[in-house]
Amino acid sequence: MTNGMDKDINVTESEFNPDATRLEAYWNTSDVIKTSIIKIEVVSDPNATVTINGEVVNLNPDGSFNYEVPVEAPMEIEIRAEAPGKEPSTITIIIEKITSNSLKATINCTGASNIFDSSLPKV
């Protein structure tokens, strides 16, 4: 428990695949709990096609973009990136429960993907 907030986040990562499209996501679970809005900064290969729940997003020239949506548990967000000549990578965030002081979620990462929580202390 941190600052009166309970985070139950289960992250599953498949074996890192160096032949897959780069896909990194950054979020702050404490902010999600405080605001009930999920804000994710995503970075991928600049030439990748990235979709969120099947809809193509426009990338900045450096391959980044920001995504923001109100959280309504239960909900699922699938981010998929695929670049020419590379295998796809996905990050699936499943928000199971959110209250004014807690968040329960499951995250699955495949390919060359990872998610980072900026509310966790740096080691």
N, C-alpha and C. Protein backbone atom coordinates (compact mmCIF):
# COMPACT_ATOMS: atom_id res chain seq x y z
N MET A 1 0.85 -1.17 0.00
CA MET A 1 0.00 0.00 0.00
C MET A 1 0.89 1.23 0.00
N THR A 2 0.59 2.18 -0.90
CA THR A 2 1.38 3.39 -1.01
C THR A 2 0.45 4.58 -1.01
N ASN A 3 0.70 5.55 -0.11
CA ASN A 3 -0.12 6.76 -0.04
C ASN A 3 -1.61 6.43 0.07
N GLY A 4 -1.96 5.37 0.81
CA GLY A 4 -3.35 4.99 0.96
C GLY A 4 -3.95 4.38 -0.29
N MET A 5 -3.11 4.03 -1.27
CA MET A 5 -3.60 3.44 -2.52
C MET A 5 -3.09 2.01 -2.63
N ASP A 6 -4.00 1.13 -3.00
CA ASP A 6 -3.67 -0.28 -3.13
C ASP A 6 -3.62 -0.62 -4.62
N LYS A 7 -2.47 -1.15 -5.06
CA LYS A 7 -2.29 -1.51 -6.46
C LYS A 7 -2.02 -3.00 -6.55
N ASP A 8 -2.88 -3.68 -7.27
CA ASP A 8 -2.71 -5.11 -7.51
C ASP A 8 -2.55 -5.27 -9.02
N ILE A 9 -1.31 -5.18 -9.49
CA ILE A 9 -1.02 -5.22 -10.92
C ILE A 9 -0.21 -6.48 -11.19
N ASN A 10 -0.76 -7.35 -12.02
CA ASN A 10 -0.09 -8.59 -12.39
C ASN A 10 0.42 -8.45 -13.82
N VAL A 11 1.75 -8.45 -14.01
CA VAL A 11 2.34 -8.29 -15.34
C VAL A 11 2.94 -9.61 -15.79
N THR A 12 2.54 -10.05 -16.99
CA THR A 12 3.09 -11.26 -17.60
C THR A 12 3.81 -10.84 -18.87
N GLU A 13 5.07 -11.23 -18.97
CA GLU A 13 5.86 -10.91 -20.16
C GLU A 13 6.29 -12.21 -20.81
N SER A 14 6.07 -12.30 -22.13
CA SER A 14 6.60 -13.45 -22.85
C SER A 14 8.10 -13.24 -23.03
N GLU A 15 8.79 -14.26 -23.48
CA GLU A 15 10.22 -14.12 -23.72
C GLU A 15 10.45 -13.00 -24.73
N PHE A 16 11.40 -12.11 -24.44
CA PHE A 16 11.68 -10.99 -25.32
C PHE A 16 12.10 -11.49 -26.70
N ASN A 17 11.49 -10.94 -27.73
CA ASN A 17 11.77 -11.34 -29.10
C ASN A 17 12.47 -10.19 -29.82
N PRO A 18 13.77 -10.29 -30.07
CA PRO A 18 14.50 -9.19 -30.71
C PRO A 18 14.08 -8.94 -32.17
N ASP A 19 13.35 -9.89 -32.76
CA ASP A 19 12.87 -9.73 -34.14
C ASP A 19 11.48 -9.10 -34.20
N ALA A 20 10.95 -8.70 -33.07
CA ALA A 20 9.61 -8.09 -33.02
C ALA A 20 9.71 -6.57 -33.00
N THR A 21 8.62 -5.93 -33.25
CA THR A 21 8.52 -4.48 -33.27
C THR A 21 8.62 -3.93 -31.85
N ARG A 22 9.43 -2.91 -31.67
CA ARG A 22 9.58 -2.27 -30.36
C ARG A 22 8.24 -1.65 -29.95
N LEU A 23 7.87 -1.87 -28.70
CA LEU A 23 6.64 -1.29 -28.15
C LEU A 23 6.84 -1.08 -26.66
N GLU A 24 6.88 0.19 -26.26
CA GLU A 24 7.04 0.53 -24.84
C GLU A 24 5.88 1.42 -24.43
N ALA A 25 5.38 1.19 -23.24
CA ALA A 25 4.30 2.02 -22.70
C ALA A 25 4.69 2.50 -21.31
N TYR A 26 4.31 3.74 -21.03
CA TYR A 26 4.60 4.36 -19.74
C TYR A 26 3.28 4.88 -19.18
N TRP A 27 3.00 4.51 -17.91
CA TRP A 27 1.79 5.00 -17.25
C TRP A 27 2.06 5.19 -15.78
N ASN A 28 1.12 5.81 -15.08
CA ASN A 28 1.25 6.05 -13.66
C ASN A 28 -0.01 5.52 -13.00
N THR A 29 0.09 4.37 -12.34
CA THR A 29 -1.10 3.75 -11.76
C THR A 29 -1.71 4.60 -10.66
N SER A 30 -0.89 5.34 -9.92
CA SER A 30 -1.44 6.22 -8.88
C SER A 30 -2.34 7.28 -9.50
N ASP A 31 -1.94 7.83 -10.65
CA ASP A 31 -2.78 8.80 -11.35
C ASP A 31 -4.08 8.18 -11.84
N VAL A 32 -4.02 6.92 -12.29
CA VAL A 32 -5.24 6.24 -12.74
C VAL A 32 -6.22 6.14 -11.57
N ILE A 33 -5.72 5.77 -10.40
CA ILE A 33 -6.57 5.65 -9.21
C ILE A 33 -7.15 7.01 -8.83
N LYS A 34 -6.33 8.05 -8.83
CA LYS A 34 -6.77 9.39 -8.42
C LYS A 34 -7.80 9.99 -9.37
N THR A 35 -7.63 9.78 -10.68
CA THR A 35 -8.45 10.48 -11.67
C THR A 35 -9.45 9.60 -12.41
N SER A 36 -9.31 8.28 -12.32
CA SER A 36 -10.10 7.32 -13.10
C SER A 36 -9.94 7.56 -14.60
N ILE A 37 -8.78 8.10 -14.96
CA ILE A 37 -8.42 8.28 -16.37
C ILE A 37 -7.07 7.60 -16.58
N ILE A 38 -7.00 6.78 -17.62
CA ILE A 38 -5.73 6.14 -17.92
C ILE A 38 -5.03 6.97 -18.99
N LYS A 39 -3.81 7.36 -18.68
CA LYS A 39 -2.98 8.11 -19.61
C LYS A 39 -1.73 7.28 -19.87
N ILE A 40 -1.51 6.96 -21.14
CA ILE A 40 -0.38 6.11 -21.50
C ILE A 40 0.43 6.82 -22.57
N GLU A 41 1.75 6.89 -22.35
CA GLU A 41 2.66 7.37 -23.38
C GLU A 41 3.26 6.12 -24.02
N VAL A 42 3.15 6.01 -25.34
CA VAL A 42 3.60 4.83 -26.05
C VAL A 42 4.70 5.21 -27.02
N VAL A 43 5.72 4.35 -27.13
CA VAL A 43 6.82 4.55 -28.07
C VAL A 43 6.99 3.25 -28.85
N SER A 44 7.11 3.39 -30.18
CA SER A 44 7.31 2.23 -31.05
C SER A 44 8.28 2.62 -32.15
N ASP A 45 8.52 1.70 -33.07
CA ASP A 45 9.33 2.02 -34.24
C ASP A 45 8.61 3.10 -35.04
N PRO A 46 9.32 4.13 -35.51
CA PRO A 46 8.66 5.21 -36.25
C PRO A 46 7.90 4.75 -37.50
N ASN A 47 8.31 3.63 -38.09
CA ASN A 47 7.63 3.15 -39.30
C ASN A 47 6.59 2.07 -38.99
N ALA A 48 6.26 1.89 -37.72
CA ALA A 48 5.30 0.85 -37.32
C ALA A 48 3.87 1.32 -37.55
N THR A 49 2.99 0.34 -37.70
CA THR A 49 1.56 0.59 -37.64
C THR A 49 1.14 0.19 -36.23
N VAL A 50 0.57 1.14 -35.51
CA VAL A 50 0.16 0.88 -34.13
C VAL A 50 -1.36 1.03 -34.05
N THR A 51 -1.98 0.07 -33.38
CA THR A 51 -3.42 0.13 -33.16
C THR A 51 -3.73 0.03 -31.68
N ILE A 52 -4.83 0.64 -31.30
CA ILE A 52 -5.39 0.47 -29.96
C ILE A 52 -6.79 -0.07 -30.15
N ASN A 53 -7.01 -1.26 -29.61
CA ASN A 53 -8.29 -1.96 -29.78
C ASN A 53 -8.73 -1.97 -31.24
N GLY A 54 -7.75 -2.19 -32.13
CA GLY A 54 -8.04 -2.34 -33.55
C GLY A 54 -8.07 -1.05 -34.36
N GLU A 55 -8.01 0.10 -33.71
CA GLU A 55 -8.04 1.38 -34.42
C GLU A 55 -6.62 1.92 -34.58
N VAL A 56 -6.26 2.30 -35.80
CA VAL A 56 -4.93 2.82 -36.08
C VAL A 56 -4.76 4.19 -35.43
N VAL A 57 -3.59 4.39 -34.80
CA VAL A 57 -3.27 5.69 -34.20
C VAL A 57 -2.18 6.36 -35.04
N ASN A 58 -2.17 7.68 -35.00
CA ASN A 58 -1.14 8.45 -35.70
C ASN A 58 0.07 8.62 -34.79
N LEU A 59 1.22 8.19 -35.28
CA LEU A 59 2.46 8.33 -34.51
C LEU A 59 3.12 9.66 -34.80
N ASN A 60 3.82 10.19 -33.81
CA ASN A 60 4.71 11.33 -34.03
C ASN A 60 5.90 10.83 -34.83
N PRO A 61 6.69 11.73 -35.44
CA PRO A 61 7.85 11.30 -36.24
C PRO A 61 8.82 10.39 -35.49
N ASP A 62 8.89 10.51 -34.15
CA ASP A 62 9.81 9.67 -33.37
C ASP A 62 9.19 8.33 -32.97
N GLY A 63 7.94 8.07 -33.40
CA GLY A 63 7.28 6.81 -33.09
C GLY A 63 6.48 6.83 -31.80
N SER A 64 6.29 8.00 -31.22
CA SER A 64 5.57 8.10 -29.95
C SER A 64 4.15 8.62 -30.16
N PHE A 65 3.31 8.41 -29.17
CA PHE A 65 1.99 9.03 -29.11
C PHE A 65 1.47 8.91 -27.70
N ASN A 66 0.46 9.70 -27.37
CA ASN A 66 -0.17 9.66 -26.06
C ASN A 66 -1.61 9.19 -26.22
N TYR A 67 -2.05 8.39 -25.27
CA TYR A 67 -3.41 7.86 -25.29
C TYR A 67 -4.03 8.14 -23.93
N GLU A 68 -5.28 8.60 -23.95
CA GLU A 68 -5.96 8.92 -22.71
C GLU A 68 -7.43 8.55 -22.85
N VAL A 69 -7.96 7.87 -21.83
CA VAL A 69 -9.36 7.45 -21.86
C VAL A 69 -9.85 7.26 -20.42
N PRO A 70 -11.12 7.59 -20.15
CA PRO A 70 -11.67 7.30 -18.82
C PRO A 70 -11.69 5.80 -18.57
N VAL A 71 -11.45 5.42 -17.33
CA VAL A 71 -11.44 4.00 -16.95
C VAL A 71 -12.85 3.61 -16.49
N GLU A 72 -13.35 2.55 -17.10
CA GLU A 72 -14.63 1.97 -16.70
C GLU A 72 -14.39 0.47 -16.55
N ALA A 73 -14.15 0.05 -15.32
CA ALA A 73 -13.86 -1.37 -15.08
C ALA A 73 -15.15 -2.17 -15.15
N PRO A 74 -15.10 -3.36 -15.73
CA PRO A 74 -13.92 -3.95 -16.36
C PRO A 74 -13.75 -3.40 -17.78
N MET A 75 -12.51 -3.30 -18.19
CA MET A 75 -12.21 -2.86 -19.56
C MET A 75 -10.88 -3.44 -20.00
N GLU A 76 -10.69 -3.50 -21.32
CA GLU A 76 -9.45 -4.03 -21.88
C GLU A 76 -8.94 -3.05 -22.93
N ILE A 77 -7.62 -2.82 -22.89
CA ILE A 77 -6.95 -1.99 -23.88
C ILE A 77 -5.84 -2.83 -24.49
N GLU A 78 -5.92 -3.03 -25.80
CA GLU A 78 -4.87 -3.78 -26.48
C GLU A 78 -4.12 -2.82 -27.41
N ILE A 79 -2.81 -2.71 -27.17
CA ILE A 79 -1.94 -1.90 -28.02
C ILE A 79 -1.11 -2.88 -28.83
N ARG A 80 -1.14 -2.72 -30.15
CA ARG A 80 -0.42 -3.64 -31.04
C ARG A 80 0.44 -2.82 -32.00
N ALA A 81 1.69 -3.23 -32.15
CA ALA A 81 2.61 -2.56 -33.07
C ALA A 81 3.20 -3.58 -34.02
N GLU A 82 3.24 -3.19 -35.31
CA GLU A 82 3.83 -4.06 -36.32
C GLU A 82 4.57 -3.19 -37.33
N ALA A 83 5.86 -3.48 -37.50
CA ALA A 83 6.70 -2.76 -38.46
C ALA A 83 7.08 -3.71 -39.60
N PRO A 84 7.33 -3.15 -40.79
CA PRO A 84 7.71 -4.01 -41.92
C PRO A 84 8.93 -4.88 -41.59
N GLY A 85 8.83 -6.16 -41.91
CA GLY A 85 9.93 -7.09 -41.70
C GLY A 85 10.10 -7.55 -40.27
N LYS A 86 9.21 -7.15 -39.37
CA LYS A 86 9.31 -7.54 -37.96
C LYS A 86 8.01 -8.20 -37.51
N GLU A 87 8.11 -8.98 -36.46
CA GLU A 87 6.94 -9.61 -35.88
C GLU A 87 6.20 -8.59 -35.01
N PRO A 88 4.90 -8.78 -34.81
CA PRO A 88 4.15 -7.83 -33.99
C PRO A 88 4.47 -7.97 -32.51
N SER A 89 4.21 -6.89 -31.79
CA SER A 89 4.30 -6.87 -30.33
C SER A 89 2.97 -6.34 -29.80
N THR A 90 2.57 -6.82 -28.63
CA THR A 90 1.33 -6.34 -28.04
C THR A 90 1.49 -6.09 -26.54
N ILE A 91 0.73 -5.13 -26.07
CA ILE A 91 0.54 -4.90 -24.64
C ILE A 91 -0.96 -4.89 -24.42
N THR A 92 -1.43 -5.80 -23.59
CA THR A 92 -2.85 -5.86 -23.27
C THR A 92 -3.02 -5.52 -21.79
N ILE A 93 -3.79 -4.47 -21.55
CA ILE A 93 -4.07 -4.02 -20.18
C ILE A 93 -5.52 -4.35 -19.88
N ILE A 94 -5.74 -5.15 -18.86
CA ILE A 94 -7.09 -5.51 -18.46
C ILE A 94 -7.34 -4.89 -17.09
N ILE A 95 -8.19 -3.88 -17.05
CA ILE A 95 -8.55 -3.23 -15.79
C ILE A 95 -9.72 -4.03 -15.23
N GLU A 96 -9.48 -4.70 -14.12
CA GLU A 96 -10.50 -5.55 -13.53
C GLU A 96 -11.38 -4.79 -12.54
N LYS A 97 -10.75 -3.88 -11.78
CA LYS A 97 -11.50 -3.15 -10.76
C LYS A 97 -10.77 -1.85 -10.46
N ILE A 98 -11.54 -0.78 -10.27
CA ILE A 98 -10.96 0.48 -9.82
C ILE A 98 -11.93 1.12 -8.82
N THR A 99 -11.36 1.61 -7.73
CA THR A 99 -12.13 2.37 -6.74
C THR A 99 -11.37 3.66 -6.47
N SER A 100 -11.85 4.45 -5.54
CA SER A 100 -11.19 5.72 -5.24
C SER A 100 -9.81 5.54 -4.61
N ASN A 101 -9.48 4.30 -4.18
CA ASN A 101 -8.15 4.09 -3.60
C ASN A 101 -7.49 2.79 -4.02
N SER A 102 -8.02 2.12 -5.06
CA SER A 102 -7.38 0.88 -5.48
C SER A 102 -7.56 0.62 -6.97
N LEU A 103 -6.63 -0.18 -7.48
CA LEU A 103 -6.67 -0.59 -8.88
C LEU A 103 -6.23 -2.04 -8.96
N LYS A 104 -7.01 -2.84 -9.67
CA LYS A 104 -6.63 -4.23 -9.92
C LYS A 104 -6.59 -4.40 -11.43
N ALA A 105 -5.43 -4.84 -11.94
CA ALA A 105 -5.26 -4.97 -13.39
C ALA A 105 -4.32 -6.12 -13.71
N THR A 106 -4.47 -6.64 -14.92
CA THR A 106 -3.57 -7.65 -15.46
C THR A 106 -3.01 -7.10 -16.75
N ILE A 107 -1.70 -7.25 -16.95
CA ILE A 107 -1.05 -6.75 -18.15
C ILE A 107 -0.28 -7.90 -18.78
N ASN A 108 -0.47 -8.09 -20.07
CA ASN A 108 0.27 -9.11 -20.82
C ASN A 108 1.09 -8.42 -21.90
N CYS A 109 2.38 -8.72 -21.94
CA CYS A 109 3.30 -8.14 -22.92
C CYS A 109 3.87 -9.27 -23.78
N THR A 110 3.86 -9.07 -25.11
CA THR A 110 4.42 -10.07 -26.02
C THR A 110 5.37 -9.40 -26.99
N GLY A 111 6.21 -10.20 -27.63
CA GLY A 111 7.14 -9.68 -28.63
C GLY A 111 8.27 -8.89 -27.99
N ALA A 112 8.44 -7.66 -28.44
CA ALA A 112 9.47 -6.76 -27.88
C ALA A 112 8.77 -5.61 -27.18
N SER A 113 7.90 -5.96 -26.23
CA SER A 113 7.12 -4.93 -25.54
C SER A 113 7.39 -4.94 -24.04
N ASN A 114 7.09 -3.79 -23.44
CA ASN A 114 7.25 -3.64 -22.00
C ASN A 114 6.40 -2.48 -21.55
N ILE A 115 5.97 -2.50 -20.29
CA ILE A 115 5.22 -1.38 -19.71
C ILE A 115 5.93 -0.96 -18.44
N PHE A 116 6.00 0.35 -18.24
CA PHE A 116 6.70 0.91 -17.10
C PHE A 116 5.73 1.77 -16.29
N ASP A 117 5.79 1.65 -14.97
CA ASP A 117 4.92 2.40 -14.07
C ASP A 117 5.75 3.49 -13.39
N SER A 118 5.47 4.74 -13.73
CA SER A 118 6.25 5.85 -13.17
C SER A 118 5.90 6.12 -11.71
N SER A 119 4.85 5.46 -11.17
CA SER A 119 4.53 5.66 -9.75
C SER A 119 5.34 4.73 -8.85
N LEU A 120 6.06 3.79 -9.44
CA LEU A 120 6.91 2.89 -8.64
C LEU A 120 8.24 3.56 -8.36
N PRO A 121 8.81 3.31 -7.19
CA PRO A 121 10.14 3.88 -6.90
C PRO A 121 11.19 3.32 -7.85
N LYS A 122 12.12 4.17 -8.26
CA LYS A 122 13.20 3.71 -9.14
C LYS A 122 14.23 2.96 -8.33
N VAL A 123 14.69 1.85 -8.89
CA VAL A 123 15.65 0.99 -8.19
C VAL A 123 17.06 1.34 -8.61
